[in-house]
C-alpha atoms as a PDB file:
ATOM      1  CA  MET A   1       6.184  20.691   3.942  1.00  0.00           C
ATOM      2  CA  GLU A   2       5.476  21.625   0.317  1.00  0.00           C
ATOM      3  CA  VAL A   3       4.977  18.723  -2.072  1.00  0.00           C
ATOM      4  CA  SER A   4       4.262  19.971  -5.581  1.00  0.00           C
ATOM      5  CA  LYS A   5       3.845  16.533  -7.147  1.00  0.00           C
ATOM      6  CA  PRO A   6       2.249  13.308  -5.858  1.00  0.00           C
ATOM      7  CA  ARG A   7       4.496  11.173  -3.618  1.00  0.00           C
ATOM      8  CA  GLY A   8       2.191   8.234  -2.972  1.00  0.00           C
ATOM      9  CA  GLY A   9       2.896   4.544  -3.335  1.00  0.00           C
ATOM     10  CA  THR A  10       2.570   4.477  -7.136  1.00  0.00           C
ATOM     11  CA  GLU A  11       5.193   7.190  -7.593  1.00  0.00           C
ATOM     12  CA  LEU A  12       7.551   5.539  -5.097  1.00  0.00           C
ATOM     13  CA  LEU A  13       7.232   2.190  -6.867  1.00  0.00           C
ATOM     14  CA  LEU A  14       8.054   3.622 -10.285  1.00  0.00           C
ATOM     15  CA  GLU A  15      11.060   5.448  -8.845  1.00  0.00           C
ATOM     16  CA  SER A  16      12.271   2.247  -7.191  1.00  0.00           C
ATOM     17  CA  LEU A  17      11.697   0.127 -10.287  1.00  0.00           C
ATOM     18  CA  ARG A  18      13.758   2.466 -12.445  1.00  0.00           C
ATOM     19  CA  GLY A  19      16.488   2.453  -9.801  1.00  0.00           C
ATOM     20  CA  TRP A  20      16.716  -1.344  -9.713  1.00  0.00           C
ATOM     21  CA  LEU A  21      16.672  -1.941 -13.479  1.00  0.00           C
ATOM     22  CA  GLU A  22      19.330  -1.188 -16.074  1.00  0.00           C
ATOM     23  CA  PRO A  23      18.606   2.027 -18.038  1.00  0.00           C
ATOM     24  CA  GLU A  24      17.847   0.056 -21.198  1.00  0.00           C
ATOM     25  CA  ALA A  25      15.453  -2.377 -19.495  1.00  0.00           C
ATOM     26  CA  LEU A  26      12.427  -0.281 -20.402  1.00  0.00           C
ATOM     27  CA  ASP A  27      13.509   0.516 -23.962  1.00  0.00           C
ATOM     28  CA  GLY A  28      10.538   0.052 -26.268  1.00  0.00           C
ATOM     29  CA  ILE A  29       8.150  -0.276 -23.312  1.00  0.00           C
ATOM     30  CA  ASN A  30       5.496   2.351 -22.657  1.00  0.00           C
ATOM     31  CA  LEU A  31       4.807   1.771 -18.966  1.00  0.00           C
ATOM     32  CA  ILE A  32       1.522   3.459 -18.023  1.00  0.00           C
ATOM     33  CA  LEU A  33       0.785   3.895 -14.331  1.00  0.00           C
ATOM     34  CA  SER A  34      -2.793   3.522 -13.094  1.00  0.00           C
ATOM     35  CA  ASN A  35      -4.388   5.713 -15.750  1.00  0.00           C
ATOM     36  CA  THR A  36      -6.472   4.549 -18.696  1.00  0.00           C
ATOM     37  CA  ASP A  37      -6.456   7.814 -20.627  1.00  0.00           C
ATOM     38  CA  PRO A  38      -6.094   6.663 -24.278  1.00  0.00           C
ATOM     39  CA  SER A  39      -3.774   9.608 -25.027  1.00  0.00           C
ATOM     40  CA  LEU A  40      -1.080   7.835 -22.971  1.00  0.00           C
ATOM     41  CA  LEU A  41      -0.906   4.938 -25.450  1.00  0.00           C
ATOM     42  CA  LYS A  42       1.971   4.946 -27.947  1.00  0.00           C
ATOM     43  CA  ALA A  43       1.674   3.355 -31.369  1.00  0.00           C
ATOM     44  CA  ASN A  44       5.295   2.258 -31.789  1.00  0.00           C
ATOM     45  CA  GLN A  45       5.903   0.859 -28.307  1.00  0.00           C
ATOM     46  CA  ILE A  46       4.698  -2.043 -26.179  1.00  0.00           C
ATOM     47  CA  ASN A  47       1.919  -0.558 -24.059  1.00  0.00           C
ATOM     48  CA  VAL A  48       1.868  -1.955 -20.508  1.00  0.00           C
ATOM     49  CA  LEU A  49      -0.688  -0.790 -17.934  1.00  0.00           C
ATOM     50  CA  TRP A  50       0.833  -1.208 -14.456  1.00  0.00           C
ATOM     51  CA  ASN A  51      -2.258  -0.563 -12.413  1.00  0.00           C
ATOM     52  CA  HIS A  52      -2.442  -0.014  -8.650  1.00  0.00           C
ATOM     53  CA  HIS A  53      -6.074   1.079  -8.458  1.00  0.00           C
ATOM     54  CA  SER A  54      -9.075  -0.944  -7.428  1.00  0.00           C
ATOM     55  CA  TYR A  55     -11.615  -1.877 -10.085  1.00  0.00           C
ATOM     56  CA  ASP A  56     -14.138   0.764  -8.978  1.00  0.00           C
ATOM     57  CA  GLN A  57     -11.897   3.830  -9.436  1.00  0.00           C
ATOM     58  CA  ALA A  58     -12.587   6.465 -12.094  1.00  0.00           C
ATOM     59  CA  ALA A  59      -9.023   6.285 -13.411  1.00  0.00           C
ATOM     60  CA  VAL A  60      -9.623   2.786 -14.838  1.00  0.00           C
ATOM     61  CA  ALA A  61     -13.041   3.437 -16.370  1.00  0.00           C
ATOM     62  CA  ASN A  62     -11.763   3.129 -19.958  1.00  0.00           C
ATOM     63  CA  LEU A  63     -11.216  -0.573 -19.394  1.00  0.00           C
ATOM     64  CA  ARG A  64     -14.906  -0.887 -20.168  1.00  0.00           C
ATOM     65  CA  HIS A  65     -14.153  -0.102 -23.819  1.00  0.00           C
ATOM     66  CA  GLN A  66     -13.067  -2.977 -26.046  1.00  0.00           C
ATOM     67  CA  LYS A  67     -10.949  -0.678 -28.191  1.00  0.00           C
ATOM     68  CA  TYR A  68      -8.826   0.288 -25.194  1.00  0.00           C
ATOM     69  CA  LEU A  69      -8.436  -3.338 -24.077  1.00  0.00           C
ATOM     70  CA  GLU A  70      -7.168  -4.241 -27.541  1.00  0.00           C
ATOM     71  CA  ALA A  71      -4.718  -1.310 -27.600  1.00  0.00           C
ATOM     72  CA  VAL A  72      -2.991  -2.330 -24.355  1.00  0.00           C
ATOM     73  CA  ASP A  73      -0.466  -5.101 -24.953  1.00  0.00           C
ATOM     74  CA  HIS A  74      -0.261  -6.264 -21.354  1.00  0.00           C
ATOM     75  CA  PHE A  75      -1.731  -5.607 -17.904  1.00  0.00           C
ATOM     76  CA  VAL A  76       0.307  -5.863 -14.696  1.00  0.00           C
ATOM     77  CA  TYR A  77      -1.470  -6.282 -11.362  1.00  0.00           C
ATOM     78  CA  VAL A  78      -0.043  -6.020  -7.853  1.00  0.00           C
ATOM     79  CA  SER A  79      -2.091  -8.838  -6.307  1.00  0.00           C
ATOM     80  CA  HIS A  80      -4.136 -11.862  -7.302  1.00  0.00           C
ATOM     81  CA  TRP A  81      -7.133 -10.242  -5.589  1.00  0.00           C
ATOM     82  CA  GLN A  82      -6.817  -7.236  -7.891  1.00  0.00           C
ATOM     83  CA  TYR A  83      -6.426  -9.377 -11.001  1.00  0.00           C
ATOM     84  CA  GLU A  84      -9.516 -11.427 -10.193  1.00  0.00           C
ATOM     85  CA  LYS A  85     -11.602  -8.297  -9.624  1.00  0.00           C
ATOM     86  CA  PHE A  86     -10.474  -6.766 -12.930  1.00  0.00           C
ATOM     87  CA  ARG A  87     -10.897 -10.012 -14.829  1.00  0.00           C
ATOM     88  CA  MET A  88     -14.508 -10.233 -13.714  1.00  0.00           C
ATOM     89  CA  ALA A  89     -15.349  -6.531 -14.054  1.00  0.00           C
ATOM     90  CA  PHE A  90     -13.763  -5.794 -17.425  1.00  0.00           C
ATOM     91  CA  LYS A  91     -13.370  -9.106 -19.294  1.00  0.00           C
ATOM     92  CA  ILE A  92      -9.632  -8.618 -19.703  1.00  0.00           C
ATOM     93  CA  PRO A  93      -8.459 -10.741 -22.673  1.00  0.00           C
ATOM     94  CA  ASP A  94      -6.852 -14.039 -21.674  1.00  0.00           C
ATOM     95  CA  GLY A  95      -3.074 -14.137 -21.897  1.00  0.00           C
ATOM     96  CA  LYS A  96      -2.549 -10.394 -21.423  1.00  0.00           C
ATOM     97  CA  SER A  97      -2.236 -10.307 -17.630  1.00  0.00           C
ATOM     98  CA  THR A  98       0.656 -10.779 -15.189  1.00  0.00           C
ATOM     99  CA  ILE A  99       0.769 -10.427 -11.406  1.00  0.00           C
ATOM    100  CA  ILE A 100       3.946  -8.847 -10.057  1.00  0.00           C
ATOM    101  CA  LYS A 101       3.563  -8.002  -6.401  1.00  0.00           C
ATOM    102  CA  ASN A 102       4.911  -4.817  -4.856  1.00  0.00           C
ATOM    103  CA  ALA A 103       8.327  -4.557  -3.241  1.00  0.00           C
ATOM    104  CA  ILE A 104      10.252  -2.313  -0.875  1.00  0.00           C
ATOM    105  CA  GLN A 105      13.828  -1.456  -0.072  1.00  0.00           C
ATOM    106  CA  SER A 106      14.837  -3.899   2.677  1.00  0.00           C
ATOM    107  CA  LEU A 107      14.461  -2.798   6.286  1.00  0.00           C
ATOM    108  CA  ASP A 108      16.588  -4.066   9.164  1.00  0.00           C
ATOM    109  CA  LEU A 109      15.006  -5.325  12.346  1.00  0.00           C
ATOM    110  CA  VAL A 110      16.160  -3.140  15.240  1.00  0.00           C
ATOM    111  CA  LYS A 111      15.521  -3.284  18.973  1.00  0.00           C
ATOM    112  CA  LYS A 112      12.204  -1.682  19.876  1.00  0.00           C
ATOM    113  CA  PRO A 113      11.983   0.874  22.717  1.00  0.00           C
ATOM    114  CA  PRO A 114      10.170  -0.242  25.883  1.00  0.00           C
ATOM    115  CA  LYS A 115       7.181   2.108  25.557  1.00  0.00           C
ATOM    116  CA  LEU A 116       4.601   0.815  23.099  1.00  0.00           C
ATOM    117  CA  LYS A 117       3.943   2.994  20.091  1.00  0.00           C
ATOM    118  CA  LEU A 118       1.189   2.594  17.529  1.00  0.00           C
ATOM    119  CA  VAL A 119       1.578   4.167  14.106  1.00  0.00           C
ATOM    120  CA  TYR A 120      -0.861   5.085  11.341  1.00  0.00           C
ATOM    121  CA  ALA A 121       0.649   5.998   7.975  1.00  0.00           C
ATOM    122  CA  SER A 122      -2.001   6.409   5.313  1.00  0.00           C
ATOM    123  CA  THR A 123      -4.424   8.915   3.866  1.00  0.00           C
ATOM    124  CA  PRO A 124      -7.158  10.125   6.241  1.00  0.00           C
ATOM    125  CA  TRP A 125     -10.054   8.585   4.306  1.00  0.00           C
ATOM    126  CA  ARG A 126      -8.718   5.051   4.649  1.00  0.00           C
ATOM    127  CA  GLY A 127      -9.585   4.576   8.313  1.00  0.00           C
ATOM    128  CA  LEU A 128      -8.207   7.419  10.414  1.00  0.00           C
ATOM    129  CA  LYS A 129     -11.546   8.267  12.054  1.00  0.00           C
ATOM    130  CA  VAL A 130     -12.064   4.634  13.069  1.00  0.00           C
ATOM    131  CA  LEU A 131      -8.585   4.592  14.577  1.00  0.00           C
ATOM    132  CA  LEU A 132      -9.075   7.809  16.565  1.00  0.00           C
ATOM    133  CA  ASP A 133     -12.353   6.459  17.931  1.00  0.00           C
ATOM    134  CA  SER A 134     -10.652   3.172  18.795  1.00  0.00           C
ATOM    135  CA  PHE A 135      -7.725   4.901  20.480  1.00  0.00           C
ATOM    136  CA  ASP A 136     -10.189   6.833  22.622  1.00  0.00           C
ATOM    137  CA  GLN A 137     -11.814   3.556  23.632  1.00  0.00           C
ATOM    138  CA  LEU A 138      -8.439   1.921  24.231  1.00  0.00           C
ATOM    139  CA  ASN A 139      -7.635   4.560  26.856  1.00  0.00           C
ATOM    140  CA  ARG A 140      -4.113   3.372  27.669  1.00  0.00           C
ATOM    141  CA  ASP A 141      -1.789   6.087  28.980  1.00  0.00           C
ATOM    142  CA  GLN A 142       1.250   3.863  28.524  1.00  0.00           C
ATOM    143  CA  VAL A 143       0.635   3.670  24.754  1.00  0.00           C
ATOM    144  CA  GLU A 144       1.309   6.433  22.208  1.00  0.00           C
ATOM    145  CA  LEU A 145      -0.016   6.863  18.675  1.00  0.00           C
ATOM    146  CA  ASP A 146       1.908   8.593  15.884  1.00  0.00           C
ATOM    147  CA  ILE A 147      -0.125   9.651  12.848  1.00  0.00           C
ATOM    148  CA  TYR A 148       1.428  10.262   9.436  1.00  0.00           C
ATOM    149  CA  SER A 149      -1.523  11.394   7.355  1.00  0.00           C
ATOM    150  CA  SER A 150      -2.171  14.273   5.002  1.00  0.00           C
ATOM    151  CA  THR A 151      -3.661  15.343   1.703  1.00  0.00           C
ATOM    152  CA  ILE A 152      -0.420  16.974   0.530  1.00  0.00           C
ATOM    153  CA  ILE A 153       1.010  13.541  -0.321  1.00  0.00           C
ATOM    154  CA  TYR A 154      -0.878  13.720  -3.633  1.00  0.00           C
ATOM    155  CA  GLY A 155       0.515  17.146  -4.482  1.00  0.00           C
ATOM    156  CA  SER A 156      -0.250  20.771  -3.739  1.00  0.00           C
ATOM    157  CA  GLU A 157      -3.269  20.990  -6.064  1.00  0.00           C
ATOM    158  CA  PHE A 158      -4.934  17.943  -4.498  1.00  0.00           C
ATOM    159  CA  ASP A 159      -4.175  19.378  -1.065  1.00  0.00           C
ATOM    160  CA  ARG A 160      -5.725  22.716  -1.982  1.00  0.00           C
ATOM    161  CA  GLN A 161      -8.934  21.039  -3.119  1.00  0.00           C
ATOM    162  CA  ASN A 162      -9.293  18.470  -0.325  1.00  0.00           C
ATOM    163  CA  ARG A 163      -7.532  19.602   2.847  1.00  0.00           C
ATOM    164  CA  ALA A 164     -10.544  21.438   4.295  1.00  0.00           C
ATOM    165  CA  THR A 165     -12.568  18.224   4.225  1.00  0.00           C
ATOM    166  CA  PHE A 166     -10.111  16.403   6.500  1.00  0.00           C
ATOM    167  CA  GLU A 167      -8.712  19.271   8.591  1.00  0.00           C
ATOM    168  CA  PRO A 168     -11.261  18.655  11.415  1.00  0.00           C
ATOM    169  CA  LEU A 169      -9.953  15.092  11.674  1.00  0.00           C
ATOM    170  CA  PHE A 170      -6.350  16.317  11.807  1.00  0.00           C
ATOM    171  CA  GLU A 171      -7.313  18.928  14.398  1.00  0.00           C
ATOM    172  CA  ARG A 172      -8.954  16.263  16.527  1.00  0.00           C
ATOM    173  CA  ALA A 173      -5.763  14.184  16.389  1.00  0.00           C
ATOM    174  CA  ARG A 174      -3.660  17.179  17.441  1.00  0.00           C
ATOM    175  CA  GLY A 175      -5.804  17.639  20.536  1.00  0.00           C
ATOM    176  CA  MET A 176      -5.904  14.023  21.711  1.00  0.00           C
ATOM    177  CA  ARG A 177      -3.887  12.791  24.678  1.00  0.00           C
ATOM    178  CA  ASN A 178      -0.936  10.532  23.759  1.00  0.00           C
ATOM    179  CA  VAL A 179      -1.448  11.196  20.048  1.00  0.00           C
ATOM    180  CA  ASN A 180       1.318  12.789  17.986  1.00  0.00           C
ATOM    181  CA  TYR A 181       0.011  14.168  14.701  1.00  0.00           C
ATOM    182  CA  LYS A 182       2.968  14.228  12.299  1.00  0.00           C
ATOM    183  CA  GLY A 183       1.183  15.144   9.065  1.00  0.00           C
ATOM    184  CA  TYR A 184       3.213  14.543   5.922  1.00  0.00           C
ATOM    185  CA  ALA A 185       6.657  12.973   6.091  1.00  0.00           C
ATOM    186  CA  PRO A 186       8.783  11.527   3.280  1.00  0.00           C
ATOM    187  CA  ASN A 187       8.872   7.771   2.926  1.00  0.00           C
ATOM    188  CA  SER A 188      12.365   7.595   4.422  1.00  0.00           C
ATOM    189  CA  ALA A 189      11.106   9.180   7.671  1.00  0.00           C
ATOM    190  CA  VAL A 190       8.067   6.887   7.827  1.00  0.00           C
ATOM    191  CA  ARG A 191      10.306   3.848   7.369  1.00  0.00           C
ATOM    192  CA  GLU A 192      12.475   4.964  10.299  1.00  0.00           C
ATOM    193  CA  ALA A 193       9.363   5.527  12.393  1.00  0.00           C
ATOM    194  CA  LEU A 194       8.140   2.018  11.650  1.00  0.00           C
ATOM    195  CA  GLN A 195      11.429   0.555  12.837  1.00  0.00           C
ATOM    196  CA  SER A 196      10.959   2.175  16.248  1.00  0.00           C
ATOM    197  CA  SER A 197       7.215   1.466  16.458  1.00  0.00           C
ATOM    198  CA  HIS A 198       5.490  -1.674  17.699  1.00  0.00           C
ATOM    199  CA  ILE A 199       2.071  -1.884  16.027  1.00  0.00           C
ATOM    200  CA  LEU A 200       0.802  -0.630  12.678  1.00  0.00           C
ATOM    201  CA  ALA A 201      -2.746   0.405  13.537  1.00  0.00           C
ATOM    202  CA  TYR A 202      -4.596   0.427  10.224  1.00  0.00           C
ATOM    203  CA  PRO A 203      -8.362  -0.166  10.410  1.00  0.00           C
ATOM    204  CA  SER A 204      -8.655   0.055   6.638  1.00  0.00           C
ATOM    205  CA  ILE A 205     -12.035   0.953   5.158  1.00  0.00           C
ATOM    206  CA  TRP A 206     -10.465   1.206   1.683  1.00  0.00           C
ATOM    207  CA  GLN A 207     -10.113  -1.641  -0.806  1.00  0.00           C
ATOM    208  CA  GLU A 208      -6.333  -1.823  -1.004  1.00  0.00           C
ATOM    209  CA  THR A 209      -4.946  -3.699  -4.001  1.00  0.00           C
ATOM    210  CA  SER A 210      -1.754  -4.096  -1.960  1.00  0.00           C
ATOM    211  CA  CYS A 211      -0.248  -1.929   0.796  1.00  0.00           C
ATOM    212  CA  LEU A 212       3.337  -0.703   0.831  1.00  0.00           C
ATOM    213  CA  THR A 213       3.082   0.614   4.383  1.00  0.00           C
ATOM    214  CA  ALA A 214       1.841  -2.734   5.656  1.00  0.00           C
ATOM    215  CA  ILE A 215       4.751  -4.465   3.902  1.00  0.00           C
ATOM    216  CA  GLU A 216       7.245  -1.995   5.373  1.00  0.00           C
ATOM    217  CA  ALA A 217       5.727  -2.323   8.841  1.00  0.00           C
ATOM    218  CA  ALA A 218       5.805  -6.115   8.691  1.00  0.00           C
ATOM    219  CA  MET A 219       9.441  -6.142   7.608  1.00  0.00           C
ATOM    220  CA  ALA A 220      10.246  -3.624  10.351  1.00  0.00           C
ATOM    221  CA  GLY A 221       8.908  -6.019  12.984  1.00  0.00           C
ATOM    222  CA  CYS A 222       5.593  -4.307  13.706  1.00  0.00           C
ATOM    223  CA  HIS A 223       2.494  -6.310  14.416  1.00  0.00           C
ATOM    224  CA  VAL A 224      -0.139  -5.215  11.891  1.00  0.00           C
ATOM    225  CA  VAL A 225      -3.705  -4.860  13.160  1.00  0.00           C
ATOM    226  CA  THR A 226      -5.966  -4.162  10.191  1.00  0.00           C
ATOM    227  CA  THR A 227      -9.144  -5.336   8.444  1.00  0.00           C
ATOM    228  CA  ASN A 228      -9.809  -8.100   5.962  1.00  0.00           C
ATOM    229  CA  PHE A 229     -10.797  -5.627   3.245  1.00  0.00           C
ATOM    230  CA  GLY A 230      -9.447  -5.836  -0.298  1.00  0.00           C
ATOM    231  CA  ALA A 231      -6.045  -7.453  -0.793  1.00  0.00           C
ATOM    232  CA  LEU A 232      -4.756  -6.905   2.745  1.00  0.00           C
ATOM    233  CA  PRO A 233      -5.148 -10.594   3.720  1.00  0.00           C
ATOM    234  CA  GLU A 234      -3.191 -11.584   0.617  1.00  0.00           C
ATOM    235  CA  THR A 235      -0.473  -9.006   1.263  1.00  0.00           C
ATOM    236  CA  LEU A 236       0.001  -9.909   4.931  1.00  0.00           C
ATOM    237  CA  ALA A 237      -0.899 -13.611   4.713  1.00  0.00           C
ATOM    238  CA  GLU A 238      -1.056 -15.185   8.193  1.00  0.00           C
ATOM    239  CA  TRP A 239       1.046 -12.494   9.859  1.00  0.00           C
ATOM    240  CA  GLY A 240      -1.594  -9.813  10.374  1.00  0.00           C
ATOM    241  CA  THR A 241      -4.505  -9.576  12.794  1.00  0.00           C
ATOM    242  CA  TYR A 242      -7.705  -9.022  10.808  1.00  0.00           C
ATOM    243  CA  VAL A 243     -10.956  -7.455  11.907  1.00  0.00           C
ATOM    244  CA  THR A 244     -13.889  -8.213   9.631  1.00  0.00           C
ATOM    245  CA  ILE A 245     -14.911  -5.142   7.648  1.00  0.00           C
ATOM    246  CA  ASP A 246     -18.305  -3.753   8.600  1.00  0.00           C
ATOM    247  CA  GLY A 247     -20.420  -0.972   7.129  1.00  0.00           C
ATOM    248  CA  ASP A 248     -21.549  -0.202  10.668  1.00  0.00           C
ATOM    249  CA  GLU A 249     -18.701   2.067  11.743  1.00  0.00           C
ATOM    250  CA  SER A 250     -19.453   1.853  15.463  1.00  0.00           C
ATOM    251  CA  ALA A 251     -19.430  -1.963  15.348  1.00  0.00           C
ATOM    252  CA  LEU A 252     -16.169  -1.943  13.381  1.00  0.00           C
ATOM    253  CA  THR A 253     -14.654   0.447  15.908  1.00  0.00           C
ATOM    254  CA  ARG A 254     -15.610  -1.779  18.855  1.00  0.00           C
ATOM    255  CA  ARG A 255     -14.164  -4.888  17.238  1.00  0.00           C
ATOM    256  CA  TYR A 256     -11.038  -3.062  16.144  1.00  0.00           C
ATOM    257  CA  THR A 257     -10.507  -1.705  19.659  1.00  0.00           C
ATOM    258  CA  ALA A 258     -10.697  -5.238  21.067  1.00  0.00           C
ATOM    259  CA  ALA A 259      -8.126  -6.478  18.540  1.00  0.00           C
ATOM    260  CA  LEU A 260      -5.847  -3.537  19.317  1.00  0.00           C
ATOM    261  CA  GLN A 261      -6.186  -4.155  23.047  1.00  0.00           C
ATOM    262  CA  LYS A 262      -5.129  -7.778  22.624  1.00  0.00           C
ATOM    263  CA  SER A 263      -2.168  -6.822  20.461  1.00  0.00           C
ATOM    264  CA  VAL A 264      -0.991  -4.259  23.030  1.00  0.00           C
ATOM    265  CA  ASP A 265      -1.374  -6.698  25.914  1.00  0.00           C
ATOM    266  CA  GLU A 266       0.524  -9.504  24.191  1.00  0.00           C
ATOM    267  CA  PHE A 267       3.196  -7.621  22.267  1.00  0.00           C
ATOM    268  CA  TRP A 268       6.104  -8.455  24.581  1.00  0.00           C
ATOM    269  CA  ASP A 269       5.161 -12.130  24.995  1.00  0.00           C
ATOM    270  CA  LEU A 270       8.052 -14.378  23.989  1.00  0.00           C
ATOM    271  CA  GLU A 271       6.013 -16.239  21.392  1.00  0.00           C
ATOM    272  CA  VAL A 272       4.892 -12.964  19.805  1.00  0.00           C
ATOM    273  CA  GLN A 273       8.481 -11.744  19.643  1.00  0.00           C
ATOM    274  CA  ARG A 274       9.567 -14.980  17.976  1.00  0.00           C
ATOM    275  CA  ARG A 275       6.730 -14.629  15.499  1.00  0.00           C
ATOM    276  CA  LEU A 276       7.723 -11.044  14.638  1.00  0.00           C
ATOM    277  CA  GLN A 277      11.281 -12.219  13.966  1.00  0.00           C
ATOM    278  CA  ALA A 278       9.945 -14.871  11.583  1.00  0.00           C
ATOM    279  CA  GLN A 279       7.635 -12.283  10.023  1.00  0.00           C
ATOM    280  CA  HIS A 280      10.614 -10.008   9.313  1.00  0.00           C
ATOM    281  CA  GLU A 281      12.454 -12.830   7.596  1.00  0.00           C
ATOM    282  CA  TYR A 282       9.375 -13.768   5.521  1.00  0.00           C
ATOM    283  CA  PHE A 283       8.836 -10.254   4.175  1.00  0.00           C
ATOM    284  CA  LYS A 284      12.525  -9.743   3.513  1.00  0.00           C
ATOM    285  CA  ARG A 285      12.531 -12.960   1.502  1.00  0.00           C
ATOM    286  CA  PHE A 286       9.385 -12.330  -0.556  1.00  0.00           C
ATOM    287  CA  TYR A 287       8.895  -8.543  -0.729  1.00  0.00           C
ATOM    288  CA  ALA A 288      12.364  -7.023  -1.119  1.00  0.00           C
ATOM    289  CA  TRP A 289      13.449  -5.408  -4.389  1.00  0.00           C
ATOM    290  CA  GLU A 290      16.387  -7.800  -4.485  1.00  0.00           C
ATOM    291  CA  VAL A 291      13.790 -10.485  -5.239  1.00  0.00           C
ATOM    292  CA  ARG A 292      11.307  -8.490  -7.307  1.00  0.00           C
ATOM    293  CA  GLN A 293      13.808  -6.987  -9.761  1.00  0.00           C
ATOM    294  CA  SER A 294      14.439 -10.352 -11.400  1.00  0.00           C
ATOM    295  CA  GLN A 295      10.700 -10.854 -11.946  1.00  0.00           C
ATOM    296  CA  TRP A 296      10.490  -7.511 -13.704  1.00  0.00           C
ATOM    297  CA  ARG A 297      13.562  -8.261 -15.852  1.00  0.00           C
ATOM    298  CA  ASP A 298      12.143 -11.616 -16.932  1.00  0.00           C
ATOM    299  CA  PHE A 299       8.737 -10.068 -17.654  1.00  0.00           C
ATOM    300  CA  LEU A 300      10.121  -7.211 -19.752  1.00  0.00           C
ATOM    301  CA  THR A 301      12.395  -9.585 -21.670  1.00  0.00           C
ATOM    302  CA  SER A 302       9.465 -11.874 -22.473  1.00  0.00           C
ATOM    303  CA  LEU A 303       7.410  -8.913 -23.725  1.00  0.00           C
ATOM    304  CA  ARG A 304      10.109  -7.915 -26.204  1.00  0.00           C
ATOM    305  CA  THR A 305      10.685 -11.524 -27.263  1.00  0.00           C
ATOM    306  CA  ASN A 306       6.982 -12.055 -27.925  1.00  0.00           C
ATOM    307  CA  ALA A 307       6.727  -8.744 -29.790  1.00  0.00           C
ATOM    308  CA  ARG A 308       9.592  -9.754 -32.104  1.00  0.00           C
ATOM    309  CA  SER A 309       8.015 -13.140 -32.801  1.00  0.00           C
ATOM    310  CA  VAL A 310       4.718 -11.465 -33.695  1.00  0.00           C
ATOM    311  CA  ARG A 311       6.445  -9.125 -36.141  1.00  0.00           C
ATOM    312  CA  VAL A 312       8.215 -12.054 -37.802  1.00  0.00           C
END
């Protein structure tokens, strides 16, 4: 499938935000997404950096310059973990930061099919190799794994430059028993897949500042087996199963396989099913756009109110 422009989480969030707010809600606001290029700043608007990157990414390097920090009127973070990292790394001025967590369109909880299905829905460099190694070690013929992973999600130019690096990993997935390599699929298709899947298998080796797929999976009633890297423990709270991140990939793989094995063995236990029902209700209450839209409205209103008071 051809994807000329990026369709990752940042782009989906901006599209959703605009859809949930009134057209005039962003009047006078220059909302900059995850890019600290000074040319994106506008002199006659309120400059807001809504950043989804981790502190060590090249796209946020200009935060090291005091002039840029002074030019941005406000910084929005998607987790407290992210805010704390940026506060320490870049000396963000006090009073210019707000945490507004991510949100998704609500997902219903539907009856799961009897055959257990694992699903991975992320870029290949965030843990796909660890998962394929773990699935080999798991060696359970009654369990399938669907993989939604590609480089095209960030657009055709990114795909052209990076696909060859990860094609051997995709080819390995295509040849594995009980693995269904799906490649790229639009978010709507991934959401449907999560509703009919049982476990989100995400051995993340990437410092997530939040994770839309994990939120969607949790609301869809999947058990999430992941790592404790970055903001994942904040995003999933007590609902996920966490494997301690380890620079030794073979050790991480062994521990992740054990956690996956336990999750597979216990999935249909009554107590687990009750917990997944409660998990669905939790994420629907705290991570749906019906909740988050009011936080954005209040935030944008306060920005304009404060800007008027400063001008007076």
